[in-house]
Amino acid sequence: MTTVEDLPAGANDARGRVAELHAIREQVRRGPSERATEAQRAKGKLTARERIELLLDEGSFNEVEPLRRHRATGFGLEAKKPYTDGVITGWGTVHGRTVFTYAHDFRIFGGALGEAHATKIHKIMDMAIQAGAPLVSLNDGAGARIQEGVSALAGYGGIFQRNTKASGVIPQISVMLGPCAGGAAYSPALTDFVFMVRETSQMFITGPDVVRAVTGEEITQNGLGGADVHAETSGVCHFAYDDEVSCLEEVRYLLSLLPANNRENPPSVPCEDPADRSGDALLDLVPADGNRPYDMRKVIEEIVDDGEFLEVHERWATNIICALTRLDGRVVGIIANQPQSLAGVLDIEASEKAARFVQMCDAFNIPIVTFLDVPGFLPGVDQEHGGIIRHGAKLLYAYCNATVPRISLVLRKAYGGAYIVMDSQSIGADLTYAWPTNEIAVMGAEGAANVIFRKQIAEADDSDAMRTRMVKEYKSELMHPYYAAERGLVDDVIDPAETRHTLIRSLEMLRTKHADLPARKHGNPPQ
């Protein structure tokens, strides 16, 4: 560490002071030691400053409190007081727009959070909220700094409070680039998006040692809380990548789709994909037979700008798709049933996934387009005992509470309560469209006929022939493609090839939509 005694004679004049400043700055930039840096690289990890350079536009980073040092004593801390105190904070730009960030420096105290460390994070979070700009945390820390005791724990409380205060006000993105254990894991859980890197990042409340001691189960850190576990099983992680470079590049892409804050609209870009481009391929992508599966992603690709979209929670609750994309250069959120997975039914996890996505879109002024091909809610004892009623109600609540432009499109099946929940006209969709292949009904024709015509079928000489006739009759009376349109429950039945143009024109009309909710402190959504 550079001291006044290390400086040449004359260091007390202005030039000497400036030389001292530059020496200290260089020391801060290099970090604690080459040995610590090599140890970081040996784990396949970048340093905190390298990560910030990848996240932000070149040369745009402005550091805040680089000379901050802790004031703690005891347990040898008074002899070890590195600059930054293990966290680098500041702001820069991503695609030219202001973004605030903080990055744990694992080389210093293992990135553990102490009082000074926490205060730096609190300050940058406050600055982000006041400036109305996104906040990206680059997490690589060993939890609370044990040597500082309860002061460190209180620091987490301040972070959680600010995460909550910023929720729905500015985009918050957590990038997990190392361990995140215990109470520290709750900060990412409070943010809008969580990114993880395979093999090097883990999140859990109690680690493998505690699990082994309490339950006797043997499990590795990655098996307990690695990127794949949280991307596929728990749903804690929205995006998982193989390396830090790819991960941070995708963070930049996500930021390009989000507004700076809840008072702005997402950034629009010039679009060379014609708004009136015909989607003739859609006629072949979606089979008319409601029992045949297809990949909804291909439908989305055919409709959106240049076939590009960013899928959120791609590997969790795969029976529903949530994606951010653009139509005619403007950002929209798409929610769609996925017939390739569980026939596209709604279940507990799909309801939670879609509900959170709807809330995020509504908070940040992102219009919502919903593609329906849903046979209903998933039946089963596990679903009922797991609370499908309250979990399904989360999605219903989210849609009903959303004031952004909302358009729904029925491609094929839309049965029962799932049809109502998936942004039907009756719960407030601004516009509802359907393809000529739509079947909107309480349930499928076979099930409905078995209920309505039970007696006739049972008494018939040929029950199978009677059932077939009754199914046909029910379909012709109540499930033909124009039944809902005739009753004003669908605004129009459209040619699938015109879907892109219809959606773009409708969203353009809805750009000036203004809707107010009743005055209240906040709602009480189902949990």
Protein backbone atom coordinates (compact mmCIF):
# COMPACT_ATOMS: atom_id res chain seq x y z
CA MET A 1 0.00 0.00 0.00
CA THR A 2 1.38 3.39 -0.98
CA THR A 3 2.07 5.79 1.91
CA VAL A 4 3.41 9.32 2.12
CA GLU A 5 6.79 7.92 3.25
CA ASP A 6 7.09 5.98 -0.03
CA LEU A 7 6.91 9.14 -2.12
CA PRO A 8 9.95 11.09 -3.30
CA ALA A 9 10.97 14.41 -1.82
CA GLY A 10 8.62 17.19 -2.68
CA ALA A 11 5.60 14.91 -2.49
CA ASN A 12 3.85 17.41 -0.25
CA ASP A 13 3.48 19.94 -3.05
CA ALA A 14 0.61 19.76 -5.58
CA ARG A 15 2.52 17.63 -8.06
CA GLY A 16 3.55 15.25 -5.34
CA ARG A 17 -0.02 14.90 -4.14
CA VAL A 18 -1.17 14.16 -7.67
CA ALA A 19 1.58 11.57 -8.03
CA GLU A 20 0.41 9.99 -4.79
CA LEU A 21 -3.17 9.92 -6.08
CA HIS A 22 -2.14 8.20 -9.30
CA ALA A 23 -0.09 5.64 -7.36
CA ILE A 24 -3.06 4.83 -5.14
CA ARG A 25 -5.39 4.64 -8.13
CA GLU A 26 -3.06 2.20 -9.83
CA GLN A 27 -2.98 0.06 -6.72
CA VAL A 28 -6.79 0.08 -6.58
CA ARG A 29 -6.96 -0.89 -10.26
CA ARG A 30 -4.53 -3.81 -9.85
CA GLY A 31 -6.30 -5.23 -6.84
CA PRO A 32 -4.83 -6.96 -3.79
CA SER A 33 -2.12 -9.09 -5.42
CA GLU A 34 -1.15 -11.06 -8.50
CA ARG A 35 -1.47 -14.24 -6.46
CA ALA A 36 -5.11 -13.46 -5.67
CA THR A 37 -5.79 -12.70 -9.32
CA GLU A 38 -4.20 -15.97 -10.42
CA ALA A 39 -6.33 -17.86 -7.89
CA GLN A 40 -9.45 -16.23 -9.37
CA ARG A 41 -8.44 -17.21 -12.89
CA ALA A 42 -7.65 -20.76 -11.78
CA LYS A 43 -11.35 -21.13 -10.92
CA GLY A 44 -12.26 -20.10 -14.45
CA LYS A 45 -13.49 -16.70 -13.28
CA LEU A 46 -12.78 -13.15 -14.42
CA THR A 47 -11.91 -10.35 -12.02
CA ALA A 48 -14.55 -7.85 -10.93
CA ARG A 49 -13.12 -5.10 -13.14
CA GLU A 50 -12.93 -7.37 -16.18
CA ARG A 51 -16.60 -8.20 -15.68
CA ILE A 52 -17.55 -4.54 -15.50
CA GLU A 53 -15.60 -3.88 -18.71
CA LEU A 54 -17.60 -6.61 -20.48
CA LEU A 55 -20.92 -5.31 -19.14
CA LEU A 56 -20.50 -1.61 -19.90
CA ASP A 57 -19.66 0.30 -23.05
CA GLU A 58 -15.91 0.73 -23.49
CA GLY A 59 -14.45 3.53 -21.39
CA SER A 60 -17.80 4.51 -19.85
CA PHE A 61 -17.30 3.31 -16.24
CA ASN A 62 -17.25 5.89 -13.47
CA GLU A 63 -16.27 4.41 -10.12
CA VAL A 64 -17.77 5.55 -6.82
CA GLU A 65 -15.81 5.34 -3.57
CA PRO A 66 -12.81 3.37 -4.88
CA LEU A 67 -10.78 4.50 -1.84
CA ARG A 68 -13.29 3.27 0.73
CA ARG A 69 -11.80 1.08 3.50
CA HIS A 70 -13.40 -0.63 6.47
CA ARG A 71 -13.08 0.63 10.04
CA ALA A 72 -13.51 -2.72 11.79
CA THR A 73 -11.06 -4.00 14.40
CA GLY A 74 -10.37 -7.37 15.92
CA PHE A 75 -9.58 -10.76 14.42
CA GLY A 76 -6.70 -9.13 12.51
CA LEU A 77 -8.93 -6.85 10.47
CA GLU A 78 -7.12 -3.68 11.58
CA ALA A 79 -3.99 -4.94 9.79
CA LYS A 80 -5.82 -5.65 6.55
CA LYS A 81 -7.66 -2.66 5.12
CA PRO A 82 -7.66 -2.89 1.33
CA TYR A 83 -9.14 -0.21 -0.87
CA THR A 84 -12.69 -0.82 -2.22
CA ASP A 85 -13.37 -3.18 0.72
CA GLY A 86 -14.18 -5.96 -1.73
CA VAL A 87 -16.84 -4.34 -3.89
CA ILE A 88 -16.52 -2.08 -6.94
CA THR A 89 -19.41 0.32 -7.46
CA GLY A 90 -20.25 2.92 -10.08
CA TRP A 91 -22.10 3.69 -13.28
CA GLY A 92 -21.52 3.62 -17.02
CA THR A 93 -23.51 3.03 -20.17
CA VAL A 94 -24.90 0.03 -22.04
CA HIS A 95 -25.75 0.84 -25.67
CA GLY A 96 -25.36 4.47 -24.70
CA ARG A 97 -27.87 4.43 -21.81
CA THR A 98 -26.92 4.89 -18.15
CA VAL A 99 -26.66 1.72 -16.04
CA PHE A 100 -25.50 1.42 -12.41
CA THR A 101 -23.56 -1.60 -11.23
CA TYR A 102 -21.71 -3.16 -8.34
CA ALA A 103 -19.34 -6.11 -8.51
CA HIS A 104 -18.06 -8.22 -5.64
CA ASP A 105 -14.28 -8.67 -5.75
CA PHE A 106 -13.69 -12.22 -4.53
CA ARG A 107 -9.97 -11.50 -4.21
CA ILE A 108 -10.68 -9.28 -1.19
CA PHE A 109 -12.16 -11.05 1.84
CA GLY A 110 -13.71 -13.57 -0.57
CA GLY A 111 -16.14 -10.84 -1.60
CA ALA A 112 -17.72 -11.09 1.86
CA LEU A 113 -19.98 -8.24 2.90
CA GLY A 114 -18.94 -5.99 5.77
CA GLU A 115 -20.25 -2.65 7.00
CA ALA A 116 -18.27 -0.44 4.58
CA HIS A 117 -18.86 -2.90 1.73
CA ALA A 118 -22.63 -2.76 2.36
CA THR A 119 -22.67 1.02 2.64
CA LYS A 120 -21.10 1.30 -0.80
CA ILE A 121 -23.80 -0.95 -2.26
CA HIS A 122 -26.54 1.00 -0.46
CA LYS A 123 -25.22 4.22 -1.96
CA ILE A 124 -25.10 2.96 -5.54
CA MET A 125 -28.59 1.47 -5.20
CA ASP A 126 -29.91 4.81 -3.94
CA MET A 127 -28.22 6.57 -6.84
CA ALA A 128 -29.80 4.17 -9.35
CA ILE A 129 -33.27 4.70 -7.89
CA GLN A 130 -32.88 8.49 -7.82
CA ALA A 131 -31.44 8.62 -11.35
CA GLY A 132 -34.09 6.24 -12.69
CA ALA A 133 -31.61 3.86 -14.29
CA PRO A 134 -31.19 0.04 -14.26
CA LEU A 135 -29.07 -1.66 -11.62
CA VAL A 136 -26.93 -4.72 -12.41
CA SER A 137 -25.26 -6.62 -9.58
CA LEU A 138 -22.29 -8.87 -10.40
CA ASN A 139 -22.36 -11.33 -7.51
CA ASP A 140 -19.32 -13.31 -6.41
CA GLY A 141 -19.21 -13.26 -2.62
CA ALA A 142 -18.91 -15.57 0.36
CA GLY A 143 -21.78 -14.05 2.32
CA ALA A 144 -21.55 -11.93 5.44
CA ARG A 145 -18.12 -11.05 6.81
CA ILE A 146 -18.12 -13.12 9.99
CA GLN A 147 -15.47 -10.99 11.68
CA GLU A 148 -17.82 -7.99 11.64
CA GLY A 149 -20.73 -9.85 13.18
CA VAL A 150 -24.20 -8.34 13.22
CA SER A 151 -23.03 -5.18 11.43
CA ALA A 152 -22.56 -7.27 8.31
CA LEU A 153 -26.01 -8.82 8.65
CA ALA A 154 -27.58 -5.37 9.00
CA GLY A 155 -25.93 -4.46 5.71
CA TYR A 156 -27.95 -7.17 3.97
CA GLY A 157 -31.12 -5.74 5.46
CA GLY A 158 -30.37 -2.41 3.81
CA ILE A 159 -29.87 -4.12 0.45
CA PHE A 160 -33.14 -6.05 0.73
CA GLN A 161 -35.03 -2.88 1.64
CA ARG A 162 -33.66 -1.08 -1.41
CA ASN A 163 -34.36 -4.07 -3.69
CA THR A 164 -37.97 -3.87 -2.60
CA LYS A 165 -38.12 -0.08 -2.94
CA ALA A 166 -36.73 -0.32 -6.47
CA SER A 167 -39.04 -3.17 -7.50
CA GLY A 168 -41.16 -2.10 -10.44
CA VAL A 169 -39.38 1.27 -10.52
CA ILE A 170 -36.08 0.41 -12.20
CA PRO A 171 -34.99 -2.86 -13.81
CA GLN A 172 -32.86 -4.91 -11.41
CA ILE A 173 -30.66 -7.67 -12.81
CA SER A 174 -28.61 -10.09 -10.71
CA VAL A 175 -25.70 -11.86 -12.38
CA MET A 176 -24.40 -14.81 -10.35
CA LEU A 177 -20.70 -15.34 -11.10
CA GLY A 178 -19.66 -17.20 -7.97
CA PRO A 179 -21.12 -18.45 -4.69
CA CYS A 180 -24.18 -16.84 -3.10
CA ALA A 181 -25.22 -18.53 0.14
CA GLY A 182 -27.49 -17.94 3.09
CA GLY A 183 -29.36 -14.66 3.41
CA ALA A 184 -27.34 -13.18 0.53
CA ALA A 185 -29.45 -15.25 -1.88
CA TYR A 186 -32.55 -13.24 -1.07
CA SER A 187 -31.31 -10.12 -2.85
CA PRO A 188 -31.20 -11.83 -6.28
CA ALA A 189 -34.59 -13.39 -5.54
CA LEU A 190 -36.03 -9.89 -5.09
CA THR A 191 -34.75 -8.66 -8.45
CA ASP A 192 -36.38 -8.89 -11.87
CA PHE A 193 -33.93 -11.26 -13.58
CA VAL A 194 -31.27 -13.72 -12.42
CA PHE A 195 -28.41 -14.88 -14.67
CA MET A 196 -26.07 -17.76 -13.72
CA VAL A 197 -22.91 -19.35 -15.11
CA ARG A 198 -22.58 -23.12 -15.06
CA GLU A 199 -19.99 -24.70 -12.77
CA THR A 200 -18.83 -21.42 -11.21
CA SER A 201 -22.02 -19.97 -9.67
CA GLN A 202 -24.21 -21.48 -6.97
CA MET A 203 -27.12 -20.24 -4.86
CA PHE A 204 -28.55 -21.88 -1.75
CA ILE A 205 -29.82 -20.98 1.70
CA THR A 206 -28.10 -23.87 3.46
CA GLY A 207 -25.04 -25.48 1.89
CA PRO A 208 -24.18 -29.14 1.32
CA ASP A 209 -22.53 -29.48 4.75
CA VAL A 210 -25.65 -28.29 6.57
CA VAL A 211 -27.87 -30.48 4.39
CA ARG A 212 -25.69 -33.47 5.19
CA ALA A 213 -25.75 -32.74 8.92
CA VAL A 214 -29.53 -32.25 9.10
CA THR A 215 -30.89 -34.75 6.55
CA GLY A 216 -27.98 -37.08 5.87
CA GLU A 217 -28.20 -36.34 2.14
CA GLU A 218 -24.95 -36.16 0.18
CA ILE A 219 -24.91 -33.54 -2.57
CA THR A 220 -22.43 -31.24 -4.29
CA GLN A 221 -22.68 -27.46 -4.42
CA ASN A 222 -23.71 -27.55 -8.08
CA GLY A 223 -26.14 -30.37 -7.45
CA LEU A 224 -27.75 -28.35 -4.68
CA GLY A 225 -27.76 -24.87 -6.16
CA GLY A 226 -25.98 -24.76 -9.51
CA ALA A 227 -27.14 -22.96 -12.63
CA ASP A 228 -28.87 -25.96 -14.20
CA VAL A 229 -30.74 -26.78 -10.99
CA HIS A 230 -32.12 -23.26 -10.70
CA ALA A 231 -32.81 -22.96 -14.44
CA GLU A 232 -34.71 -26.26 -14.71
CA THR A 233 -36.00 -27.26 -11.27
CA SER A 234 -36.44 -24.34 -8.87
CA GLY A 235 -37.10 -21.54 -11.36
CA VAL A 236 -34.83 -19.19 -9.38
CA CYS A 237 -32.61 -18.60 -12.43
CA HIS A 238 -34.02 -17.02 -15.61
CA PHE A 239 -30.94 -17.49 -17.82
CA ALA A 240 -27.99 -19.92 -17.60
CA TYR A 241 -24.81 -19.79 -19.69
CA ASP A 242 -21.58 -21.75 -20.07
CA ASP A 243 -19.21 -18.82 -19.61
CA GLU A 244 -19.09 -15.28 -18.24
CA VAL A 245 -18.51 -13.60 -21.60
CA SER A 246 -21.71 -15.06 -23.11
CA CYS A 247 -23.62 -14.34 -19.92
CA LEU A 248 -22.68 -10.66 -19.78
CA GLU A 249 -23.33 -10.21 -23.50
CA GLU A 250 -26.88 -11.48 -22.94
CA VAL A 251 -27.30 -9.10 -20.00
CA ARG A 252 -26.49 -6.28 -22.40
CA TYR A 253 -29.07 -7.64 -24.86
CA LEU A 254 -31.74 -7.83 -22.16
CA LEU A 255 -31.03 -4.23 -21.14
CA SER A 256 -31.61 -3.17 -24.77
CA LEU A 257 -35.19 -4.47 -24.43
CA LEU A 258 -35.99 -2.74 -21.14
CA PRO A 259 -36.80 0.90 -20.34
CA ALA A 260 -34.58 2.83 -17.94
CA ASN A 261 -37.42 3.04 -15.43
CA ASN A 262 -41.18 2.73 -14.99
CA ARG A 263 -41.81 6.23 -16.33
CA GLU A 264 -40.35 5.50 -19.75
CA ASN A 265 -41.21 3.19 -22.62
CA PRO A 266 -38.77 0.52 -23.80
CA PRO A 267 -36.38 1.71 -26.51
CA SER A 268 -37.60 1.28 -30.08
CA VAL A 269 -35.29 0.59 -33.01
CA PRO A 270 -35.59 0.98 -36.79
CA CYS A 271 -37.13 -2.13 -38.34
CA GLU A 272 -36.42 -3.40 -41.82
CA ASP A 273 -38.77 -6.37 -41.47
CA PRO A 274 -41.97 -5.18 -43.26
CA ALA A 275 -44.93 -4.66 -40.94
CA ASP A 276 -47.25 -6.16 -43.54
CA ARG A 277 -45.09 -9.19 -44.26
CA SER A 278 -47.33 -12.18 -44.91
CA GLY A 279 -46.92 -15.21 -42.66
CA ASP A 280 -48.06 -17.91 -45.04
CA ALA A 281 -45.87 -20.48 -43.28
CA LEU A 282 -48.18 -20.28 -40.26
CA LEU A 283 -50.82 -22.22 -42.18
CA ASP A 284 -48.53 -25.24 -42.18
CA LEU A 285 -46.88 -24.76 -38.77
CA VAL A 286 -50.08 -25.21 -36.74
CA PRO A 287 -52.07 -28.42 -37.44
CA ALA A 288 -55.84 -28.02 -37.49
CA ASP A 289 -56.13 -31.22 -35.46
CA GLY A 290 -56.09 -30.02 -31.84
CA ASN A 291 -54.48 -33.26 -30.66
CA ARG A 292 -51.35 -32.85 -32.77
CA PRO A 293 -48.42 -31.04 -31.11
CA TYR A 294 -46.24 -28.36 -32.72
CA ASP A 295 -43.48 -26.00 -31.60
CA MET A 296 -44.94 -22.62 -30.58
CA ARG A 297 -41.46 -21.10 -30.84
CA LYS A 298 -41.63 -21.47 -34.63
CA VAL A 299 -44.93 -19.59 -34.63
CA ILE A 300 -43.37 -16.75 -32.64
CA GLU A 301 -40.34 -16.67 -34.96
CA GLU A 302 -42.61 -16.30 -37.98
CA ILE A 303 -44.48 -13.33 -36.49
CA VAL A 304 -41.87 -11.17 -34.70
CA ASP A 305 -39.21 -8.90 -36.18
CA ASP A 306 -36.50 -10.92 -37.97
CA GLY A 307 -37.53 -14.03 -36.01
CA GLU A 308 -35.61 -12.86 -32.93
CA PHE A 309 -36.80 -13.11 -29.33
CA LEU A 310 -35.32 -13.58 -25.87
CA GLU A 311 -37.03 -16.37 -23.98
CA VAL A 312 -37.23 -15.96 -20.20
CA HIS A 313 -37.12 -19.10 -18.02
CA GLU A 314 -36.62 -21.18 -21.16
CA ARG A 315 -35.97 -24.42 -19.27
CA TRP A 316 -38.42 -24.08 -16.38
CA ALA A 317 -42.18 -24.69 -16.77
CA THR A 318 -41.65 -25.43 -20.45
CA ASN A 319 -45.39 -25.81 -21.10
CA ILE A 320 -45.59 -22.02 -21.32
CA ILE A 321 -43.32 -19.59 -23.17
CA CYS A 322 -42.48 -16.10 -21.91
CA ALA A 323 -40.40 -13.97 -24.23
CA LEU A 324 -39.32 -10.41 -24.94
CA THR A 325 -39.21 -9.44 -28.60
CA ARG A 326 -40.06 -6.64 -31.02
CA LEU A 327 -42.89 -5.99 -33.44
CA ASP A 328 -42.13 -3.22 -35.93
CA GLY A 329 -39.17 -2.18 -33.79
CA ARG A 330 -41.15 -1.83 -30.54
CA VAL A 331 -40.71 -4.14 -27.56
CA VAL A 332 -43.52 -6.51 -26.61
CA GLY A 333 -43.84 -9.36 -24.14
CA ILE A 334 -45.21 -12.63 -25.48
CA ILE A 335 -46.88 -15.32 -23.39
CA ALA A 336 -47.79 -18.51 -25.24
CA ASN A 337 -48.82 -22.06 -24.45
CA GLN A 338 -46.34 -24.65 -25.73
CA PRO A 339 -48.20 -27.70 -27.17
CA GLN A 340 -44.92 -29.65 -27.33
CA SER A 341 -44.75 -29.75 -23.51
CA LEU A 342 -47.64 -31.25 -21.52
CA ALA A 343 -49.89 -30.29 -24.46
CA GLY A 344 -49.58 -26.67 -23.33
CA VAL A 345 -51.68 -27.07 -20.18
CA LEU A 346 -51.44 -24.64 -17.29
CA ASP A 347 -50.05 -26.06 -14.07
CA ILE A 348 -48.61 -24.63 -10.87
CA GLU A 349 -45.19 -23.73 -12.26
CA ALA A 350 -46.48 -22.40 -15.59
CA SER A 351 -48.96 -20.17 -13.75
CA GLU A 352 -46.25 -18.74 -11.50
CA LYS A 353 -43.84 -18.21 -14.40
CA ALA A 354 -46.38 -16.39 -16.56
CA ALA A 355 -47.78 -14.33 -13.66
CA ARG A 356 -44.37 -12.92 -12.78
CA PHE A 357 -43.68 -12.14 -16.42
CA VAL A 358 -46.99 -10.30 -16.81
CA GLN A 359 -46.21 -8.24 -13.70
CA MET A 360 -42.75 -7.38 -15.02
CA CYS A 361 -44.12 -6.29 -18.40
CA ASP A 362 -46.84 -4.21 -16.75
CA ALA A 363 -44.34 -2.54 -14.40
CA PHE A 364 -42.09 -1.48 -17.27
CA ASN A 365 -44.68 -0.42 -19.87
CA ILE A 366 -44.21 -3.42 -22.15
CA PRO A 367 -47.35 -4.40 -24.13
CA ILE A 368 -48.44 -8.02 -23.73
CA VAL A 369 -49.44 -10.35 -26.56
CA THR A 370 -50.86 -13.75 -25.55
CA PHE A 371 -51.03 -16.76 -27.89
CA LEU A 372 -53.54 -19.35 -26.70
CA ASP A 373 -53.59 -23.06 -27.43
CA VAL A 374 -54.56 -24.39 -24.02
CA PRO A 375 -56.59 -27.52 -23.17
CA GLY A 376 -57.12 -26.43 -19.57
CA PHE A 377 -55.44 -26.77 -16.19
CA LEU A 378 -53.44 -29.91 -15.45
CA PRO A 379 -55.60 -32.37 -13.47
CA GLY A 380 -54.17 -34.47 -10.66
CA VAL A 381 -53.97 -34.93 -6.92
CA ASP A 382 -50.49 -33.39 -6.76
CA GLN A 383 -51.69 -30.26 -8.53
CA GLU A 384 -54.74 -29.85 -6.33
CA HIS A 385 -52.83 -30.51 -3.11
CA GLY A 386 -50.04 -28.25 -4.31
CA GLY A 387 -52.45 -25.36 -4.57
CA ILE A 388 -53.22 -25.05 -8.28
CA ILE A 389 -56.19 -22.89 -7.30
CA ARG A 390 -54.12 -20.18 -5.65
CA HIS A 391 -51.24 -20.50 -8.11
CA GLY A 392 -53.56 -20.27 -11.10
CA ALA A 393 -55.16 -17.26 -9.43
CA LYS A 394 -51.76 -15.52 -9.48
CA LEU A 395 -51.85 -15.47 -13.27
CA LEU A 396 -55.46 -14.33 -13.28
CA TYR A 397 -54.64 -11.53 -10.82
CA ALA A 398 -51.59 -10.43 -12.82
CA TYR A 399 -53.55 -10.11 -16.06
CA CYS A 400 -56.52 -8.38 -14.42
CA ASN A 401 -54.17 -5.90 -12.73
CA ALA A 402 -52.16 -5.08 -15.86
CA THR A 403 -52.85 -1.71 -17.51
CA VAL A 404 -50.46 -1.97 -20.48
CA PRO A 405 -51.88 -2.75 -23.95
CA ARG A 406 -53.04 -6.37 -24.01
CA ILE A 407 -53.89 -8.45 -27.08
CA SER A 408 -54.82 -12.12 -27.09
CA LEU A 409 -54.91 -14.50 -30.04
CA VAL A 410 -56.55 -17.96 -29.98
CA LEU A 411 -54.70 -20.28 -32.37
CA ARG A 412 -56.52 -23.54 -31.61
CA LYS A 413 -57.90 -24.81 -28.31
CA ALA A 414 -59.01 -22.50 -25.53
CA TYR A 415 -60.91 -24.55 -22.98
CA GLY A 416 -62.44 -23.87 -19.61
CA GLY A 417 -60.95 -21.72 -16.89
CA ALA A 418 -57.58 -21.70 -18.66
CA TYR A 419 -59.16 -19.76 -21.54
CA ILE A 420 -60.50 -17.14 -19.13
CA VAL A 421 -57.21 -16.87 -17.22
CA MET A 422 -55.08 -16.48 -20.38
CA ASP A 423 -56.15 -12.86 -20.93
CA SER A 424 -59.61 -13.36 -22.37
CA GLN A 425 -61.75 -10.37 -23.26
CA SER A 426 -63.78 -10.88 -20.09
CA ILE A 427 -60.78 -10.11 -17.85
CA GLY A 428 -59.73 -7.01 -19.71
CA ALA A 429 -57.84 -7.82 -22.89
CA ASP A 430 -58.03 -4.77 -25.13
CA LEU A 431 -58.36 -6.80 -28.33
CA THR A 432 -58.96 -10.50 -28.87
CA TYR A 433 -58.41 -12.30 -32.16
CA ALA A 434 -58.76 -15.90 -33.28
CA TRP A 435 -57.64 -18.03 -36.19
CA PRO A 436 -60.23 -20.05 -38.13
CA THR A 437 -58.86 -23.16 -36.39
CA ASN A 438 -59.98 -21.92 -32.95
CA GLU A 439 -62.09 -23.98 -30.55
CA ILE A 440 -63.28 -21.89 -27.61
CA ALA A 441 -65.43 -23.86 -25.19
CA VAL A 442 -65.96 -24.98 -21.61
CA MET A 443 -64.25 -28.27 -22.44
CA GLY A 444 -63.46 -30.54 -25.36
CA ALA A 445 -66.36 -31.84 -27.43
CA GLU A 446 -65.91 -35.46 -26.31
CA GLY A 447 -66.02 -34.59 -22.62
CA ALA A 448 -68.90 -32.18 -23.09
CA ALA A 449 -70.97 -34.74 -25.02
CA ASN A 450 -70.40 -37.39 -22.35
CA VAL A 451 -71.80 -35.01 -19.74
CA ILE A 452 -74.67 -33.40 -21.66
CA PHE A 453 -75.87 -36.51 -23.48
CA ARG A 454 -75.04 -39.11 -20.84
CA LYS A 455 -78.59 -40.49 -20.72
CA GLN A 456 -79.07 -40.67 -24.50
CA ILE A 457 -75.73 -42.42 -24.96
CA ALA A 458 -76.46 -44.93 -22.20
CA GLU A 459 -79.92 -45.79 -23.58
CA ALA A 460 -78.89 -46.04 -27.24
CA ASP A 461 -78.63 -49.44 -28.92
CA ASP A 462 -75.27 -48.40 -30.33
CA SER A 463 -73.70 -46.16 -27.67
CA ASP A 464 -70.53 -45.51 -29.67
CA ALA A 465 -72.47 -44.33 -32.70
CA MET A 466 -74.67 -42.15 -30.49
CA ARG A 467 -71.61 -40.63 -28.78
CA THR A 468 -70.02 -39.86 -32.16
CA ARG A 469 -73.24 -38.17 -33.35
CA MET A 470 -73.57 -36.14 -30.15
CA VAL A 471 -69.94 -35.00 -30.31
CA LYS A 472 -70.49 -33.83 -33.88
CA GLU A 473 -73.66 -32.04 -32.86
CA TYR A 474 -71.96 -30.29 -29.94
CA LYS A 475 -69.10 -29.14 -32.16
CA SER A 476 -71.42 -27.78 -34.83
CA GLU A 477 -73.55 -25.92 -32.28
CA LEU A 478 -71.04 -24.55 -29.74
CA MET A 479 -67.51 -25.04 -31.02
CA HIS A 480 -67.46 -23.72 -34.56
CA PRO A 481 -64.78 -21.08 -35.24
CA TYR A 482 -67.21 -18.16 -35.30
CA TYR A 483 -69.28 -18.93 -32.21
CA ALA A 484 -67.30 -16.59 -29.91
CA ALA A 485 -67.06 -13.89 -32.60
CA GLU A 486 -70.83 -13.95 -33.11
CA ARG A 487 -71.26 -13.22 -29.41
CA GLY A 488 -68.68 -10.44 -29.27
CA LEU A 489 -66.18 -12.45 -27.19
CA VAL A 490 -63.63 -12.31 -30.03
CA ASP A 491 -63.10 -9.06 -31.92
CA ASP A 492 -62.28 -10.75 -35.20
CA VAL A 493 -61.35 -14.06 -36.81
CA ILE A 494 -58.25 -13.43 -38.90
CA ASP A 495 -56.24 -15.15 -41.59
CA PRO A 496 -53.12 -16.56 -39.87
CA ALA A 497 -50.98 -15.08 -42.64
CA GLU A 498 -52.14 -11.61 -41.55
CA THR A 499 -51.24 -12.08 -37.89
CA ARG A 500 -48.08 -9.96 -37.86
CA HIS A 501 -49.73 -7.03 -39.64
CA THR A 502 -52.86 -7.25 -37.46
CA LEU A 503 -50.85 -7.23 -34.22
CA ILE A 504 -48.65 -4.33 -35.31
CA ARG A 505 -51.62 -2.19 -36.34
CA SER A 506 -53.44 -3.00 -33.12
CA LEU A 507 -50.44 -2.18 -30.94
CA GLU A 508 -49.95 1.10 -32.78
CA MET A 509 -53.55 2.06 -31.94
CA LEU A 510 -53.05 1.06 -28.30
CA ARG A 511 -49.85 3.07 -27.82
CA THR A 512 -51.80 5.93 -26.24
CA LYS A 513 -53.86 3.68 -23.97
CA HIS A 514 -54.33 5.09 -20.49
CA ALA A 515 -55.95 3.08 -17.72
CA ASP A 516 -56.13 3.86 -14.01
CA LEU A 517 -56.57 1.36 -11.22
CA PRO A 518 -58.68 2.18 -8.15
CA ALA A 519 -56.86 4.20 -5.48
CA ARG A 520 -55.28 1.82 -2.96
CA LYS A 521 -52.06 1.28 -1.08
CA HIS A 522 -51.51 -2.00 -2.94
CA GLY A 523 -53.46 -5.11 -3.80
CA ASN A 524 -53.32 -8.40 -1.93
CA PRO A 525 -52.45 -10.94 -4.63
CA PRO A 526 -52.92 -14.69 -4.04
CA GLN A 527 -49.87 -16.42 -2.67
